[in-house]
Amino acid sequence: MQQRQLFEYAVIRVVPRVEREEFLNIGVILYCAKQQFLQAKYLLDEERLHAFAHDLDIAELKEHICAMERICTGDKDAGPIGKLDMASRFRWLTATRSTIVQTSKVHPGFCEDASETLEKLFGQLVV
């Protein structure tokens, strides 16, 4: 049996009108230090997003989400944040902010396979 490892995750949310505090879950970010794993999984259901916020700029939203993905992978095009170590990138991505794309509080857990856990959380919290 594999040893269970500590992981942390946050839900990625679209908050079209910050003052109303209404949001729609669109993805999950999961970090597991022992498995050297930091990945985001998301779904931009345009029909659902437009029903939730009819004036939402989907192209701009995609840019924000793609930037998050580049930061997760430490892509060379992710700017100075992408050059940070994995833990620091996760902390930066999950920091509290008042923008259209936000994350939930960070939640911990234990897993054997971070990739499987990401898929499971995505299924439970997004789709």
Protein backbone atom coordinates (compact mmCIF):
# COMPACT_ATOMS: atom_id res chain seq x y z
CA MET A 1 0.00 0.00 0.00
CA GLN A 2 1.28 3.46 -0.91
CA GLN A 3 1.80 5.98 1.83
CA ARG A 4 -0.77 8.75 1.97
CA GLN A 5 0.62 12.25 1.42
CA LEU A 6 -0.63 15.62 2.62
CA PHE A 7 -2.17 17.76 -0.12
CA GLU A 8 -3.85 21.15 -0.24
CA TYR A 9 -6.45 22.40 -2.65
CA ALA A 10 -8.61 25.41 -3.42
CA VAL A 11 -11.64 25.83 -5.65
CA ILE A 12 -11.31 28.31 -8.54
CA ARG A 13 -14.34 30.58 -8.71
CA VAL A 14 -15.71 33.15 -11.13
CA VAL A 15 -17.05 36.17 -9.25
CA PRO A 16 -18.50 38.51 -11.89
CA ARG A 17 -19.74 41.13 -9.42
CA VAL A 18 -17.48 41.12 -6.40
CA GLU A 19 -19.84 43.34 -4.39
CA ARG A 20 -22.58 40.68 -4.60
CA GLU A 21 -20.27 37.84 -3.47
CA GLU A 22 -21.96 35.40 -5.84
CA PHE A 23 -19.70 32.88 -7.54
CA LEU A 24 -19.61 29.87 -9.82
CA ASN A 25 -17.07 27.08 -9.28
CA ILE A 26 -15.06 26.50 -12.46
CA GLY A 27 -12.00 24.58 -11.31
CA VAL A 28 -9.66 23.22 -8.66
CA ILE A 29 -5.98 23.81 -7.87
CA LEU A 30 -4.19 21.01 -6.03
CA TYR A 31 -0.72 21.05 -4.48
CA CYS A 32 1.11 18.05 -3.00
CA ALA A 33 4.69 18.81 -1.94
CA LYS A 34 5.81 15.18 -1.48
CA GLN A 35 4.64 14.29 -5.00
CA GLN A 36 6.00 17.52 -6.53
CA PHE A 37 2.51 18.16 -7.90
CA LEU A 38 0.85 21.51 -8.62
CA GLN A 39 -1.92 21.48 -11.17
CA ALA A 40 -5.16 23.24 -11.97
CA LYS A 41 -8.13 21.66 -13.71
CA TYR A 42 -11.02 23.78 -14.92
CA LEU A 43 -14.10 23.84 -17.11
CA LEU A 44 -15.39 26.99 -18.80
CA ASP A 45 -18.98 26.09 -19.67
CA GLU A 46 -19.80 29.21 -21.68
CA GLU A 47 -23.55 28.60 -21.67
CA ARG A 48 -23.60 28.24 -17.89
CA LEU A 49 -21.31 31.25 -17.42
CA HIS A 50 -23.51 33.45 -19.63
CA ALA A 51 -26.62 32.32 -17.74
CA PHE A 52 -24.88 33.26 -14.48
CA ALA A 53 -23.51 36.58 -15.76
CA HIS A 54 -24.75 37.55 -19.21
CA ASP A 55 -22.17 40.33 -19.70
CA LEU A 56 -19.15 38.26 -18.66
CA ASP A 57 -16.16 38.59 -21.00
CA ILE A 58 -15.31 34.93 -21.66
CA ALA A 59 -12.12 35.78 -23.59
CA GLU A 60 -10.77 37.77 -20.65
CA LEU A 61 -11.73 34.98 -18.26
CA LYS A 62 -9.84 32.46 -20.43
CA GLU A 63 -6.75 34.68 -20.29
CA HIS A 64 -6.85 34.72 -16.49
CA ILE A 65 -7.29 30.95 -16.28
CA CYS A 66 -4.50 30.29 -18.79
CA ALA A 67 -2.21 32.53 -16.73
CA MET A 68 -3.04 30.43 -13.66
CA GLU A 69 -2.15 27.27 -15.59
CA ARG A 70 1.19 28.75 -16.70
CA ILE A 71 1.99 29.68 -13.10
CA CYS A 72 1.12 26.15 -11.91
CA THR A 73 3.54 24.60 -14.39
CA GLY A 74 6.24 27.21 -13.81
CA ASP A 75 6.13 28.09 -17.50
CA LYS A 76 8.84 30.50 -18.67
CA ASP A 77 6.05 32.82 -19.90
CA ALA A 78 4.49 33.00 -16.42
CA GLY A 79 6.58 36.00 -15.40
CA PRO A 80 8.31 36.38 -12.06
CA ILE A 81 5.65 34.39 -10.18
CA GLY A 82 6.25 31.40 -12.46
CA LYS A 83 9.91 31.37 -11.39
CA LEU A 84 9.06 30.86 -7.72
CA ASP A 85 9.24 27.43 -6.09
CA MET A 86 6.10 25.27 -6.29
CA ALA A 87 4.85 26.03 -2.77
CA SER A 88 5.21 29.78 -3.31
CA ARG A 89 3.35 29.58 -6.62
CA PHE A 90 0.48 27.74 -4.91
CA ARG A 91 0.35 30.32 -2.10
CA TRP A 92 0.34 33.16 -4.64
CA LEU A 93 -2.45 31.55 -6.68
CA THR A 94 -4.62 30.98 -3.60
CA ALA A 95 -4.04 34.37 -1.95
CA THR A 96 -7.18 36.34 -1.14
CA ARG A 97 -8.07 38.82 -3.88
CA SER A 98 -11.00 40.89 -5.07
CA THR A 99 -11.02 40.07 -8.76
CA ILE A 100 -13.27 38.23 -11.18
CA VAL A 101 -11.26 35.01 -10.65
CA GLN A 102 -10.84 34.01 -7.01
CA THR A 103 -10.08 30.88 -5.04
CA SER A 104 -11.72 29.43 -1.98
CA LYS A 105 -9.88 29.03 1.27
CA VAL A 106 -7.22 26.34 1.13
CA HIS A 107 -8.32 22.93 2.39
CA PRO A 108 -6.00 20.04 3.38
CA GLY A 109 -6.33 16.30 2.94
CA PHE A 110 -4.37 13.10 2.41
CA CYS A 111 -3.99 11.22 -0.86
CA GLU A 112 -2.02 8.44 -2.47
CA ASP A 113 -2.16 9.88 -5.98
CA ALA A 114 -2.48 13.66 -6.37
CA SER A 115 -3.65 13.42 -9.97
CA GLU A 116 -6.50 11.05 -9.06
CA THR A 117 -7.45 13.28 -6.14
CA LEU A 118 -7.58 16.33 -8.41
CA GLU A 119 -9.94 14.47 -10.76
CA LYS A 120 -12.14 13.39 -7.84
CA LEU A 121 -12.35 16.89 -6.36
CA PHE A 122 -13.05 18.37 -9.79
CA GLY A 123 -15.95 15.95 -10.24
CA GLN A 124 -17.36 16.72 -6.79
CA LEU A 125 -16.93 20.49 -6.74
CA VAL A 126 -17.18 21.65 -10.36
CA VAL A 127 -19.08 19.31 -12.69
